[in-house]
Amino acid sequence: MKNIFQYIQGDKAIWAVVALLALFSFLPVYSASSNLAYLYGDGSTLKFLLKHLAHLLLGFAILYGVHKIPYHYFRGLSIIALPVIIVLLLITITEGTTIDGANASRWIRVPFVGVTFQTSTLAAVVLMTYVARYLSRIKDKEITFKETLVPLWLPVFVILALILPANFSTTAIIFAMVIVLVFVGGYPLKYLGIILGAGLLCLTLFVLTAKAFPGVFPNRVDTWISRIESFADNEDTEADYQIEKAKIAIASGGVTGLGPGKSIQKNFLPQSSSDFIYAIIVEEFGLVGAFFLLFMYLLLLFRLVVVAHKSTSMFGKLLVIGVGLPIVFQALINMAVAVELFPVTGQTLPLISSGGTSIWMTCLAIGMILSVSAKREVVIQEEEEQNPLDILSEAL
């Protein structure tokens, strides 16, 4: 065991949280995939479990590889990756693949591999890294809105505009996280008001355009409106059906749950292994399992704050907040949807829900966070063992 720990660096608590969440995910995914096995397979859930295992193994390989990279390299990589992401999003809009009957083209199929990839999740990580880089560069300068309009806000709105037609919830989360990040980075509040107004105006224009020309973005705006109306008025819609089944699952769980694999509502919830997996967890593991997951994500949030606070550079602090906070925020949204505190969004539960792209990008973000914490520990160790000139030369 000691030999294993010498190969991993960074915050050990974050490592523990990620490992526990990944190990725990096998139970609900294996249980909830039974309806998928019935609908799309031969009735065997083993292949879905093996698929989830493969996704996690690749995710942890990404996490391990990324956490070994000095985090200051992500500055330059974000600039290189930004135009690549824009191209991928354009390809997704024009040639995206629909998965399991979903009426939105959010995925692209990787040639010669046969694997589908949701580009918006990678775009979120790259964009947050880019914003963190830019804010760290102007931290000691007097900020004017005109100077930040093109280098900061133009890439943000371009990427959000490319994601919005197929995925409103992801667009809203990314925009909210960017606002939080620039606020933490010291961006003037008076300019943030302008950005919020511009964002609301762009959304309004998009909705009006989509309603005026329904053939351009078929079903998307109507779907958003129906979900919001269903949440507000309790109308009988597909989203309302899912929520009702999720609430039945949660009510059936009680304190200790029905037991692993004994969920009943997994046979009725269409997205029981992804979007509504939290309801299945509560049904099978009760309030104990529900609070365990909530505690894990809150512990992750606490360690993110600790790592950001102890980081020796502004870029490190902002990077941890930028790529880490969306993970916790997405988890809380997924839980809130299951208990009807939030409209149906289609957001997965990070590291728990099945789905390769979500797992891989979460591991990518956590690897970047661990790189920040590992860099701090390495610097402390070097300061104890080397003279100041050696430390300065390596820093440069």
Protein backbone atom coordinates (compact mmCIF):
# COMPACT_ATOMS: atom_id res chain seq x y z
CA MET A 1 0.00 0.00 0.00
CA LYS A 2 2.88 2.35 0.84
CA ASN A 3 4.35 1.72 -2.61
CA ILE A 4 1.06 2.80 -4.21
CA PHE A 5 0.90 6.08 -2.30
CA GLN A 6 4.37 7.10 -3.45
CA TYR A 7 3.13 7.30 -7.04
CA ILE A 8 0.17 9.55 -6.31
CA GLN A 9 0.54 13.18 -5.32
CA GLY A 10 -1.74 15.94 -4.20
CA ASP A 11 -4.54 16.11 -1.68
CA LYS A 12 -5.09 12.62 -0.25
CA ALA A 13 -8.62 13.46 0.92
CA ILE A 14 -9.65 14.27 -2.67
CA TRP A 15 -8.14 10.98 -3.81
CA ALA A 16 -10.14 9.18 -1.11
CA VAL A 17 -13.42 10.90 -2.00
CA VAL A 18 -13.02 10.15 -5.71
CA ALA A 19 -12.10 6.51 -5.05
CA LEU A 20 -15.04 5.99 -2.67
CA LEU A 21 -17.52 7.54 -5.10
CA ALA A 22 -16.19 5.41 -7.96
CA LEU A 23 -16.36 2.19 -5.93
CA PHE A 24 -19.84 2.99 -4.65
CA SER A 25 -21.07 3.72 -8.19
CA PHE A 26 -20.88 0.06 -9.20
CA LEU A 27 -23.80 -0.90 -6.95
CA PRO A 28 -26.44 1.55 -8.27
CA VAL A 29 -25.22 1.36 -11.88
CA TYR A 30 -25.36 -2.43 -11.88
CA SER A 31 -28.82 -2.36 -10.33
CA ALA A 32 -30.28 0.46 -12.44
CA SER A 33 -28.97 -0.93 -15.73
CA SER A 34 -31.43 -3.83 -15.61
CA ASN A 35 -34.05 -1.85 -17.52
CA LEU A 36 -31.45 -0.94 -20.15
CA ALA A 37 -30.54 -4.60 -20.45
CA TYR A 38 -34.19 -5.42 -21.00
CA LEU A 39 -34.78 -2.65 -23.56
CA TYR A 40 -31.53 -2.66 -25.51
CA GLY A 41 -29.81 -5.93 -24.71
CA ASP A 42 -30.36 -9.60 -24.04
CA GLY A 43 -31.39 -9.11 -20.41
CA SER A 44 -27.85 -9.38 -19.02
CA THR A 45 -26.59 -6.45 -16.93
CA LEU A 46 -23.00 -7.70 -16.83
CA LYS A 47 -21.97 -5.92 -20.02
CA PHE A 48 -23.28 -2.61 -18.67
CA LEU A 49 -21.26 -3.14 -15.49
CA LEU A 50 -18.14 -3.94 -17.52
CA LYS A 51 -18.76 -0.86 -19.66
CA HIS A 52 -18.97 1.28 -16.53
CA LEU A 53 -15.75 -0.32 -15.27
CA ALA A 54 -14.01 0.50 -18.54
CA HIS A 55 -15.18 4.11 -18.33
CA LEU A 56 -13.87 4.42 -14.77
CA LEU A 57 -10.53 2.80 -15.60
CA LEU A 58 -9.98 5.20 -18.48
CA GLY A 59 -11.15 8.08 -16.27
CA PHE A 60 -8.65 7.23 -13.54
CA ALA A 61 -5.93 6.86 -16.17
CA ILE A 62 -6.76 10.41 -17.31
CA LEU A 63 -6.81 11.59 -13.69
CA TYR A 64 -3.44 10.02 -12.92
CA GLY A 65 -1.79 11.32 -16.08
CA VAL A 66 -3.13 14.86 -15.69
CA HIS A 67 -2.21 15.14 -12.00
CA LYS A 68 1.43 14.46 -12.95
CA ILE A 69 1.49 17.55 -15.23
CA PRO A 70 2.64 20.80 -13.55
CA TYR A 71 -0.49 22.90 -13.43
CA HIS A 72 1.08 26.01 -14.96
CA TYR A 73 1.20 24.11 -18.27
CA PHE A 74 -2.60 24.35 -18.39
CA ARG A 75 -2.28 28.08 -19.09
CA GLY A 76 -0.89 27.55 -22.57
CA LEU A 77 -2.91 24.41 -23.20
CA SER A 78 -6.15 26.32 -22.65
CA ILE A 79 -5.23 28.76 -25.43
CA ILE A 80 -4.43 25.91 -27.81
CA ALA A 81 -7.54 23.93 -26.89
CA LEU A 82 -9.98 26.83 -27.17
CA PRO A 83 -10.15 26.98 -31.01
CA VAL A 84 -10.17 23.18 -31.14
CA ILE A 85 -13.21 23.15 -28.85
CA ILE A 86 -15.00 25.70 -31.02
CA VAL A 87 -14.43 23.50 -34.09
CA LEU A 88 -15.68 20.42 -32.23
CA LEU A 89 -18.81 22.25 -31.11
CA LEU A 90 -19.49 23.35 -34.68
CA ILE A 91 -19.13 19.73 -35.83
CA THR A 92 -21.48 18.64 -33.05
CA ILE A 93 -24.16 21.09 -34.16
CA THR A 94 -23.96 20.06 -37.80
CA GLU A 95 -23.26 16.35 -37.52
CA GLY A 96 -24.04 15.47 -33.92
CA THR A 97 -25.31 12.03 -32.97
CA THR A 98 -28.55 11.40 -31.11
CA ILE A 99 -28.20 8.89 -28.25
CA ASP A 100 -31.00 6.61 -26.99
CA GLY A 101 -33.71 8.64 -28.65
CA ALA A 102 -32.67 11.97 -27.16
CA ASN A 103 -33.90 14.82 -29.35
CA ALA A 104 -30.69 16.83 -29.16
CA SER A 105 -27.44 16.37 -31.04
CA ARG A 106 -24.94 16.69 -28.20
CA TRP A 107 -22.52 13.92 -29.12
CA ILE A 108 -20.04 13.28 -31.89
CA ARG A 109 -18.83 9.86 -32.87
CA VAL A 110 -15.08 9.33 -32.80
CA PRO A 111 -13.99 7.86 -36.16
CA PHE A 112 -12.66 4.27 -36.28
CA VAL A 113 -13.38 3.80 -32.56
CA GLY A 114 -17.16 3.87 -32.43
CA VAL A 115 -17.18 5.84 -29.19
CA THR A 116 -19.51 8.82 -28.75
CA PHE A 117 -18.28 11.95 -27.00
CA GLN A 118 -20.24 14.89 -25.56
CA THR A 119 -18.21 17.94 -26.54
CA SER A 120 -19.90 20.42 -24.19
CA THR A 121 -18.37 18.78 -21.10
CA LEU A 122 -14.84 19.17 -22.45
CA ALA A 123 -15.68 22.72 -23.53
CA ALA A 124 -16.66 23.56 -19.95
CA VAL A 125 -13.28 22.45 -18.54
CA VAL A 126 -11.30 24.24 -21.26
CA LEU A 127 -13.31 27.44 -20.93
CA MET A 128 -12.99 27.59 -17.14
CA THR A 129 -9.22 27.06 -17.45
CA TYR A 130 -8.98 29.82 -20.05
CA VAL A 131 -10.97 32.25 -17.87
CA ALA A 132 -8.79 31.40 -14.86
CA ARG A 133 -5.69 32.10 -16.95
CA TYR A 134 -6.97 35.45 -18.14
CA LEU A 135 -8.06 36.60 -14.68
CA SER A 136 -4.68 35.67 -13.21
CA ARG A 137 -2.97 37.81 -15.86
CA ILE A 138 -4.97 40.95 -15.04
CA LYS A 139 -5.11 40.54 -11.25
CA ASP A 140 -2.78 43.49 -10.59
CA LYS A 141 -4.12 45.73 -13.36
CA GLU A 142 -6.91 48.25 -13.47
CA ILE A 143 -9.75 46.47 -15.24
CA THR A 144 -11.94 48.15 -17.85
CA PHE A 145 -14.87 46.51 -19.55
CA LYS A 146 -13.72 47.45 -23.05
CA GLU A 147 -10.34 45.77 -22.59
CA THR A 148 -11.88 42.52 -21.38
CA LEU A 149 -14.69 42.34 -23.93
CA VAL A 150 -12.77 40.54 -26.70
CA PRO A 151 -10.14 38.45 -24.85
CA LEU A 152 -12.47 37.34 -22.01
CA TRP A 153 -16.15 37.58 -22.89
CA LEU A 154 -16.06 36.89 -26.64
CA PRO A 155 -14.77 33.30 -26.20
CA VAL A 156 -17.25 32.75 -23.36
CA PHE A 157 -20.28 33.83 -25.39
CA VAL A 158 -19.11 32.03 -28.54
CA ILE A 159 -18.81 28.71 -26.71
CA LEU A 160 -22.07 29.21 -24.84
CA ALA A 161 -23.85 30.10 -28.09
CA LEU A 162 -22.62 26.84 -29.65
CA ILE A 163 -23.78 24.74 -26.69
CA LEU A 164 -27.14 26.47 -26.13
CA PRO A 165 -29.15 25.08 -29.09
CA ALA A 166 -28.81 21.49 -27.85
CA ASN A 167 -28.23 21.82 -24.11
CA PHE A 168 -29.70 24.72 -22.15
CA SER A 169 -28.95 23.32 -18.69
CA THR A 170 -25.24 22.86 -19.42
CA THR A 171 -25.10 26.36 -20.91
CA ALA A 172 -26.74 27.84 -17.81
CA ILE A 173 -24.37 25.98 -15.46
CA ILE A 174 -21.27 27.04 -17.39
CA PHE A 175 -22.43 30.66 -17.50
CA ALA A 176 -23.17 30.64 -13.77
CA MET A 177 -19.78 29.13 -12.98
CA VAL A 178 -18.00 31.69 -15.17
CA ILE A 179 -19.79 34.48 -13.29
CA VAL A 180 -18.74 32.97 -9.95
CA LEU A 181 -15.16 32.58 -11.14
CA VAL A 182 -14.79 36.14 -12.42
CA PHE A 183 -16.38 37.42 -9.20
CA VAL A 184 -13.83 35.50 -7.13
CA GLY A 185 -11.11 36.73 -9.48
CA GLY A 186 -11.91 40.34 -8.62
CA TYR A 187 -13.79 41.39 -11.73
CA PRO A 188 -15.75 44.62 -11.02
CA LEU A 189 -19.38 44.09 -10.01
CA LYS A 190 -20.60 46.93 -12.22
CA TYR A 191 -19.30 45.09 -15.28
CA LEU A 192 -20.80 41.79 -14.11
CA GLY A 193 -24.21 43.45 -14.20
CA ILE A 194 -23.66 44.27 -17.86
CA ILE A 195 -22.66 40.68 -18.61
CA LEU A 196 -25.70 39.27 -16.81
CA GLY A 197 -27.95 41.61 -18.77
CA ALA A 198 -26.25 40.65 -22.03
CA GLY A 199 -26.65 36.97 -21.23
CA LEU A 200 -30.35 37.38 -20.50
CA LEU A 201 -30.80 39.38 -23.70
CA CYS A 202 -29.05 36.73 -25.80
CA LEU A 203 -31.19 33.98 -24.28
CA THR A 204 -34.36 35.97 -24.96
CA LEU A 205 -33.36 36.56 -28.59
CA PHE A 206 -32.58 32.88 -29.03
CA VAL A 207 -35.96 31.81 -27.63
CA LEU A 208 -37.81 34.32 -29.82
CA THR A 209 -35.87 33.19 -32.89
CA ALA A 210 -36.54 29.55 -32.14
CA LYS A 211 -40.27 30.22 -31.71
CA ALA A 212 -40.40 32.26 -34.91
CA PHE A 213 -38.46 29.66 -36.92
CA PRO A 214 -39.28 26.30 -35.29
CA GLY A 215 -37.58 24.33 -38.02
CA VAL A 216 -34.15 25.69 -37.08
CA PHE A 217 -34.06 24.25 -33.53
CA PRO A 218 -36.80 21.60 -33.48
CA ASN A 219 -38.34 20.77 -30.10
CA ARG A 220 -35.59 22.28 -27.94
CA VAL A 221 -37.24 25.50 -26.73
CA ASP A 222 -40.58 23.74 -26.40
CA THR A 223 -38.89 21.11 -24.24
CA TRP A 224 -37.36 23.76 -21.95
CA ILE A 225 -40.68 25.57 -21.59
CA SER A 226 -42.62 22.38 -20.92
CA ARG A 227 -40.17 21.31 -18.22
CA ILE A 228 -40.37 24.68 -16.47
CA GLU A 229 -44.14 24.78 -16.73
CA SER A 230 -44.37 21.22 -15.45
CA PHE A 231 -42.19 22.12 -12.49
CA ALA A 232 -44.24 25.24 -11.71
CA ASP A 233 -47.76 23.97 -12.41
CA ASN A 234 -47.46 20.19 -11.87
CA GLU A 235 -48.72 19.46 -15.37
CA ASP A 236 -48.87 15.88 -16.64
CA THR A 237 -45.80 15.62 -18.88
CA GLU A 238 -42.97 13.16 -19.46
CA ALA A 239 -40.74 15.13 -17.09
CA ASP A 240 -43.50 15.06 -14.48
CA TYR A 241 -43.76 11.29 -14.93
CA GLN A 242 -40.06 10.90 -14.21
CA ILE A 243 -40.26 13.11 -11.13
CA GLU A 244 -43.25 11.17 -9.77
CA LYS A 245 -41.42 7.87 -10.18
CA ALA A 246 -38.31 9.39 -8.55
CA LYS A 247 -40.36 10.59 -5.58
CA ILE A 248 -41.96 7.15 -5.22
CA ALA A 249 -38.47 5.62 -5.19
CA ILE A 250 -37.27 8.07 -2.54
CA ALA A 251 -40.37 7.53 -0.38
CA SER A 252 -39.93 3.76 -0.62
CA GLY A 253 -36.35 3.91 0.62
CA GLY A 254 -37.02 4.98 4.17
CA VAL A 255 -34.03 5.21 6.49
CA THR A 256 -31.99 2.17 5.47
CA GLY A 257 -33.45 1.43 2.01
CA LEU A 258 -34.76 -1.72 0.37
CA GLY A 259 -31.27 -3.12 -0.12
CA PRO A 260 -28.77 -3.25 -3.01
CA GLY A 261 -30.40 -4.33 -6.27
CA LYS A 262 -33.93 -4.34 -4.84
CA SER A 263 -35.17 -1.12 -6.42
CA ILE A 264 -38.59 -1.32 -8.03
CA GLN A 265 -38.75 2.10 -9.69
CA LYS A 266 -35.62 1.40 -11.74
CA ASN A 267 -37.94 -0.53 -14.04
CA PHE A 268 -40.04 2.58 -14.68
CA LEU A 269 -37.53 5.47 -14.69
CA PRO A 270 -36.20 5.96 -18.26
CA GLN A 271 -32.88 7.43 -17.04
CA SER A 272 -32.46 5.36 -13.88
CA SER A 273 -28.74 4.76 -14.40
CA SER A 274 -27.84 8.35 -15.26
CA ASP A 275 -30.07 11.39 -14.66
CA PHE A 276 -32.18 9.85 -11.87
CA ILE A 277 -29.67 7.49 -10.33
CA TYR A 278 -29.85 9.42 -7.04
CA ALA A 279 -33.49 8.37 -6.62
CA ILE A 280 -32.50 4.73 -7.12
CA ILE A 281 -29.71 5.13 -4.56
CA VAL A 282 -32.15 6.51 -1.98
CA GLU A 283 -34.61 3.70 -2.70
CA GLU A 284 -31.96 1.01 -2.22
CA PHE A 285 -29.80 2.59 0.49
CA GLY A 286 -32.28 4.95 2.17
CA LEU A 287 -31.41 8.19 3.91
CA VAL A 288 -28.11 6.64 4.95
CA GLY A 289 -27.00 6.37 1.33
CA ALA A 290 -28.48 9.76 0.46
CA PHE A 291 -26.59 11.57 3.22
CA PHE A 292 -23.43 9.60 2.51
CA LEU A 293 -23.36 10.91 -1.06
CA LEU A 294 -24.20 14.43 0.05
CA PHE A 295 -21.42 14.30 2.64
CA MET A 296 -18.92 13.08 0.05
CA TYR A 297 -19.63 15.96 -2.32
CA LEU A 298 -19.58 18.52 0.50
CA LEU A 299 -16.27 17.06 1.68
CA LEU A 300 -14.96 17.44 -1.86
CA LEU A 301 -16.12 21.08 -1.82
CA PHE A 302 -14.33 21.64 1.50
CA ARG A 303 -11.09 20.18 0.17
CA LEU A 304 -11.39 22.33 -2.97
CA VAL A 305 -11.54 25.42 -0.76
CA VAL A 306 -8.51 24.20 1.21
CA VAL A 307 -6.46 23.50 -1.93
CA ALA A 308 -7.42 26.86 -3.46
CA HIS A 309 -6.56 28.71 -0.24
CA LYS A 310 -3.13 27.05 0.05
CA SER A 311 -2.21 27.48 -3.61
CA THR A 312 0.77 29.78 -4.06
CA SER A 313 -0.45 31.42 -7.28
CA MET A 314 -3.57 33.22 -8.40
CA PHE A 315 -3.90 30.93 -11.41
CA GLY A 316 -3.80 27.87 -9.15
CA LYS A 317 -6.52 29.28 -6.91
CA LEU A 318 -8.79 30.21 -9.80
CA LEU A 319 -8.15 26.93 -11.62
CA VAL A 320 -9.26 24.87 -8.61
CA ILE A 321 -12.41 26.95 -8.22
CA GLY A 322 -13.13 27.05 -11.95
CA VAL A 323 -12.92 23.32 -12.70
CA GLY A 324 -13.83 22.00 -9.24
CA LEU A 325 -16.91 23.98 -8.27
CA PRO A 326 -18.97 22.81 -11.31
CA ILE A 327 -18.53 19.19 -10.17
CA VAL A 328 -20.14 19.87 -6.79
CA PHE A 329 -22.72 22.21 -8.33
CA GLN A 330 -23.75 19.58 -10.89
CA ALA A 331 -24.08 16.96 -8.15
CA LEU A 332 -26.33 19.22 -6.08
CA ILE A 333 -28.48 19.97 -9.14
CA ASN A 334 -28.85 16.25 -9.89
CA MET A 335 -29.97 15.60 -6.31
CA ALA A 336 -32.31 18.61 -6.34
CA VAL A 337 -33.99 17.36 -9.53
CA ALA A 338 -34.62 13.95 -7.96
CA VAL A 339 -36.43 15.51 -4.99
CA GLU A 340 -38.27 18.06 -7.20
CA LEU A 341 -36.43 21.11 -5.92
CA PHE A 342 -35.33 21.88 -9.48
CA PRO A 343 -36.76 21.31 -12.98
CA VAL A 344 -35.52 18.31 -14.94
CA THR A 345 -32.15 19.26 -16.43
CA GLY A 346 -30.55 16.05 -17.71
CA GLN A 347 -27.43 16.56 -15.58
CA THR A 348 -25.70 13.39 -14.38
CA LEU A 349 -24.34 12.65 -10.92
CA PRO A 350 -20.54 13.05 -11.22
CA LEU A 351 -18.55 9.80 -10.82
CA ILE A 352 -21.75 7.89 -10.01
CA SER A 353 -23.94 7.96 -13.12
CA SER A 354 -23.12 5.78 -16.09
CA GLY A 355 -21.71 7.54 -19.13
CA GLY A 356 -18.19 7.82 -20.39
CA THR A 357 -17.87 11.53 -21.20
CA SER A 358 -19.13 12.67 -17.80
CA ILE A 359 -16.71 10.38 -15.96
CA TRP A 360 -13.74 11.27 -18.15
CA MET A 361 -14.21 15.03 -17.90
CA THR A 362 -14.81 14.86 -14.16
CA CYS A 363 -11.56 12.92 -13.79
CA LEU A 364 -9.81 15.45 -16.03
CA ALA A 365 -10.95 18.31 -13.80
CA ILE A 366 -10.00 16.47 -10.60
CA GLY A 367 -6.59 15.66 -12.08
CA MET A 368 -6.01 19.37 -12.66
CA ILE A 369 -7.03 20.11 -9.07
CA LEU A 370 -4.66 17.45 -7.74
CA SER A 371 -1.91 18.92 -9.89
CA VAL A 372 -2.36 22.25 -8.09
CA SER A 373 -2.20 20.62 -4.66
CA ALA A 374 0.70 18.38 -5.70
CA LYS A 375 2.68 21.36 -6.99
CA ARG A 376 2.33 23.08 -3.64
CA GLU A 377 3.61 20.02 -1.79
CA VAL A 378 6.55 19.63 -4.18
CA VAL A 379 7.51 23.29 -3.72
CA ILE A 380 7.47 22.89 0.06
CA GLN A 381 9.67 19.80 -0.19
CA GLU A 382 12.10 21.48 -2.57
CA GLU A 383 12.43 24.51 -0.32
CA GLU A 384 13.57 22.22 2.46
CA GLU A 385 16.10 20.30 0.37
CA GLN A 386 17.47 22.79 -2.20
CA ASN A 387 19.04 26.20 -2.13
CA PRO A 388 17.06 29.28 -3.30
CA LEU A 389 18.90 29.55 -6.64
CA ASP A 390 17.93 26.00 -7.62
CA ILE A 391 14.33 26.61 -6.67
CA LEU A 392 14.23 29.86 -8.69
CA SER A 393 15.76 28.21 -11.76
CA GLU A 394 13.20 25.40 -11.67
CA ALA A 395 10.34 27.86 -11.20
CA LEU A 396 11.47 29.80 -14.26
